[in-house]
Amino acid sequence: MRNYEVMYIIKPETEDEKVTAIMERFKGLVEERGAEVTKLDKWGKRRLAYEINHIKEGIYVLMQFKADAATAAEMDRVMKINDDIFRHMITREEE
């Protein structure tokens, strides 16, 4: 298993209950595939570095997990089709 880190940005108009549900969904996605979430941190609403599709701020979430490459690929696929997430980046951490 390798260490991964994913940062994703949720649309700012999303309600707190839905943000929590989104975070739990991705945590569950990782855990149901036999991986381990080592850190889940909600940074809250922050201003974007530049405007994206007329959106100036977003809700940032950082998650670190230990998983295989297939789990990271599945997470990338699911994040691409989720309408509430408009940017994400998954990186593999060096050991």
C-alpha atoms as a PDB file:
ATOM      1  CA  MET A   1       0.000   0.000   0.000  1.00  0.00           C
ATOM      2  CA  ARG A   2       1.105   3.511  -0.793  1.00  0.00           C
ATOM      3  CA  ASN A   3       0.393   6.833   0.890  1.00  0.00           C
ATOM      4  CA  TYR A   4      -1.902   9.170  -1.032  1.00  0.00           C
ATOM      5  CA  GLU A   5      -3.228  12.637  -0.415  1.00  0.00           C
ATOM      6  CA  VAL A   6      -6.318  14.115  -2.027  1.00  0.00           C
ATOM      7  CA  MET A   7      -7.376  17.749  -1.865  1.00  0.00           C
ATOM      8  CA  TYR A   8     -10.820  18.533  -3.193  1.00  0.00           C
ATOM      9  CA  ILE A   9     -12.870  21.709  -3.395  1.00  0.00           C
ATOM     10  CA  ILE A  10     -16.629  21.631  -2.892  1.00  0.00           C
ATOM     11  CA  LYS A  11     -18.898  24.343  -4.282  1.00  0.00           C
ATOM     12  CA  PRO A  12     -19.335  27.144  -1.708  1.00  0.00           C
ATOM     13  CA  GLU A  13     -23.149  27.125  -1.708  1.00  0.00           C
ATOM     14  CA  THR A  14     -23.233  23.504  -0.498  1.00  0.00           C
ATOM     15  CA  GLU A  15     -24.919  23.105   2.901  1.00  0.00           C
ATOM     16  CA  ASP A  16     -22.928  21.840   5.908  1.00  0.00           C
ATOM     17  CA  GLU A  17     -24.892  18.585   6.146  1.00  0.00           C
ATOM     18  CA  LYS A  18     -24.191  17.817   2.506  1.00  0.00           C
ATOM     19  CA  VAL A  19     -20.476  18.670   2.924  1.00  0.00           C
ATOM     20  CA  THR A  20     -20.296  16.195   5.806  1.00  0.00           C
ATOM     21  CA  ALA A  21     -22.098  13.583   3.696  1.00  0.00           C
ATOM     22  CA  ILE A  22     -19.657  14.100   0.813  1.00  0.00           C
ATOM     23  CA  MET A  23     -16.675  13.722   3.158  1.00  0.00           C
ATOM     24  CA  GLU A  24     -18.130  10.529   4.637  1.00  0.00           C
ATOM     25  CA  ARG A  25     -18.887   9.172   1.155  1.00  0.00           C
ATOM     26  CA  PHE A  26     -15.267   9.473   0.040  1.00  0.00           C
ATOM     27  CA  LYS A  27     -13.964   8.153   3.349  1.00  0.00           C
ATOM     28  CA  GLY A  28     -16.303   5.163   2.963  1.00  0.00           C
ATOM     29  CA  LEU A  29     -15.222   4.643  -0.641  1.00  0.00           C
ATOM     30  CA  VAL A  30     -11.616   4.276   0.494  1.00  0.00           C
ATOM     31  CA  GLU A  31     -12.393   2.093   3.511  1.00  0.00           C
ATOM     32  CA  GLU A  32     -14.721  -0.313   1.685  1.00  0.00           C
ATOM     33  CA  ARG A  33     -11.857  -1.178  -0.666  1.00  0.00           C
ATOM     34  CA  GLY A  34      -9.667  -2.244   2.263  1.00  0.00           C
ATOM     35  CA  ALA A  35      -7.645   0.968   2.528  1.00  0.00           C
ATOM     36  CA  GLU A  36      -7.035   3.117   5.584  1.00  0.00           C
ATOM     37  CA  VAL A  37      -7.823   6.818   6.006  1.00  0.00           C
ATOM     38  CA  THR A  38      -5.047   8.342   8.102  1.00  0.00           C
ATOM     39  CA  LYS A  39      -6.253  11.955   8.149  1.00  0.00           C
ATOM     40  CA  LEU A  40      -9.447  13.769   7.173  1.00  0.00           C
ATOM     41  CA  ASP A  41      -9.391  17.532   7.591  1.00  0.00           C
ATOM     42  CA  LYS A  42     -12.014  20.081   6.557  1.00  0.00           C
ATOM     43  CA  TRP A  43     -10.317  23.431   5.996  1.00  0.00           C
ATOM     44  CA  GLY A  44     -13.574  25.276   5.463  1.00  0.00           C
ATOM     45  CA  LYS A  45     -14.494  28.011   3.011  1.00  0.00           C
ATOM     46  CA  ARG A  46     -11.522  29.805   1.461  1.00  0.00           C
ATOM     47  CA  ARG A  47     -10.957  32.165  -1.428  1.00  0.00           C
ATOM     48  CA  LEU A  48      -9.658  30.543  -4.618  1.00  0.00           C
ATOM     49  CA  ALA A  49      -6.376  31.698  -6.131  1.00  0.00           C
ATOM     50  CA  TYR A  50      -8.281  32.541  -9.313  1.00  0.00           C
ATOM     51  CA  GLU A  51     -11.902  32.534 -10.392  1.00  0.00           C
ATOM     52  CA  ILE A  52     -13.171  29.259 -11.891  1.00  0.00           C
ATOM     53  CA  ASN A  53     -16.472  29.384 -13.828  1.00  0.00           C
ATOM     54  CA  HIS A  54     -17.512  32.545 -11.932  1.00  0.00           C
ATOM     55  CA  ILE A  55     -16.852  30.864  -8.556  1.00  0.00           C
ATOM     56  CA  LYS A  56     -14.526  32.832  -6.268  1.00  0.00           C
ATOM     57  CA  GLU A  57     -14.375  30.586  -3.180  1.00  0.00           C
ATOM     58  CA  GLY A  58     -14.811  26.961  -2.204  1.00  0.00           C
ATOM     59  CA  ILE A  59     -14.873  24.538   0.703  1.00  0.00           C
ATOM     60  CA  TYR A  60     -11.501  22.787   0.931  1.00  0.00           C
ATOM     61  CA  VAL A  61     -11.115  19.225   2.238  1.00  0.00           C
ATOM     62  CA  LEU A  62      -7.825  17.336   2.670  1.00  0.00           C
ATOM     63  CA  MET A  63      -7.714  13.561   3.078  1.00  0.00           C
ATOM     64  CA  GLN A  64      -4.677  11.327   3.464  1.00  0.00           C
ATOM     65  CA  PHE A  65      -4.987   7.573   3.042  1.00  0.00           C
ATOM     66  CA  LYS A  66      -3.025   4.362   2.507  1.00  0.00           C
ATOM     67  CA  ALA A  67      -4.252   2.392  -0.489  1.00  0.00           C
ATOM     68  CA  ASP A  68      -3.324   0.655  -3.709  1.00  0.00           C
ATOM     69  CA  ALA A  69      -3.321   2.358  -7.112  1.00  0.00           C
ATOM     70  CA  ALA A  70      -6.722   0.933  -8.066  1.00  0.00           C
ATOM     71  CA  THR A  71      -8.384   2.623  -5.091  1.00  0.00           C
ATOM     72  CA  ALA A  72      -6.848   5.977  -5.996  1.00  0.00           C
ATOM     73  CA  ALA A  73      -7.998   5.546  -9.605  1.00  0.00           C
ATOM     74  CA  GLU A  74     -11.541   4.722  -8.483  1.00  0.00           C
ATOM     75  CA  MET A  75     -11.602   7.773  -6.216  1.00  0.00           C
ATOM     76  CA  ASP A  76     -10.452   9.942  -9.143  1.00  0.00           C
ATOM     77  CA  ARG A  77     -13.228   8.508 -11.336  1.00  0.00           C
ATOM     78  CA  VAL A  78     -15.931   9.130  -8.746  1.00  0.00           C
ATOM     79  CA  MET A  79     -14.743  12.677  -8.048  1.00  0.00           C
ATOM     80  CA  LYS A  80     -14.839  13.538 -11.742  1.00  0.00           C
ATOM     81  CA  ILE A  81     -18.545  12.682 -11.989  1.00  0.00           C
ATOM     82  CA  ASN A  82     -19.605  14.318  -8.695  1.00  0.00           C
ATOM     83  CA  ASP A  83     -21.370  17.634  -9.385  1.00  0.00           C
ATOM     84  CA  ASP A  84     -20.580  19.162  -5.976  1.00  0.00           C
ATOM     85  CA  ILE A  85     -16.800  18.870  -6.434  1.00  0.00           C
ATOM     86  CA  PHE A  86     -15.369  21.211  -9.019  1.00  0.00           C
ATOM     87  CA  ARG A  87     -11.628  20.611  -8.490  1.00  0.00           C
ATOM     88  CA  HIS A  88      -9.585  17.780  -7.001  1.00  0.00           C
ATOM     89  CA  MET A  89      -6.031  16.526  -7.029  1.00  0.00           C
ATOM     90  CA  ILE A  90      -4.713  13.148  -5.880  1.00  0.00           C
ATOM     91  CA  THR A  91      -0.993  12.859  -5.223  1.00  0.00           C
ATOM     92  CA  ARG A  92       1.153   9.956  -4.100  1.00  0.00           C
ATOM     93  CA  GLU A  93       3.386  10.854  -1.193  1.00  0.00           C
ATOM     94  CA  GLU A  94       7.006   9.779  -1.183  1.00  0.00           C
ATOM     95  CA  GLU A  95       8.011   7.271   1.455  1.00  0.00           C
END
